[in-house]
Structure formats: C-alpha cells, structure tokens
Amino acid sequence: MTHPSSPESDITLDRTPNHVVMHTAGRAFPGILVQGDALGTMAAEAKRVRDLLHRLAPHAPERDAADALLDMVETRRSHYERVLRANGFEQMPW
C-alpha cells in the first residue's frame, strides 16, 4: 500500500556527502544512502563487536541483538555486492 505522502518518482531531499537522503517512490518515509565503502566498514565493525561479545560474554542476552545487527548489515552488504557484480563492477570498495 502506498502512503499518501510517497512520491511518484524518487526524490533526493539532501545531497550532503556521505549522508544523502532520498524519498523513493512507494515508500512512506525517506531513506538514507549509505556509500559502499561505509557499508563495508559497518559490516566489519558489526562483526567485530559480535565476535567480541560472543568471546567475552558468551551467555549475555545481548548476543542475540549483536547477531541480528550483523545479519541486517551483512544482508545489505551482500545485496549491494550482487547488484554491483550484475552491473559490471568487478571490484568492491572494501
């Protein structure tokens, strides 16, 4: 279902480098564009935090949150990589 305020086509609301905000068609709220190198860094840091938590606090309930965070970031990183490869990019920014 389309939200009444969603645009008919994509709109860039702000072009601040590394913080671009876009309102994409069919979405109720705008999103933020994450550059590929920043996405790679986020994935690496999320993995580092998750691994550290697993090692230092193996029974902590926060492990589930760390696992979920890593999964969310890795899912987006993997999608980004597949799309780039499908469009002729041979090298990733990480």
Foldseek 3Di string as FASTA:
>chain_A
DADPPQDQAKDFPDDDPQWTWIRGHRDPGIDTDHDQLRLVVQLVVLVVVLVVCCVPPVPDPCNVVSVVSNVVSVVVNVVVVVVCVVVPDPDGPD
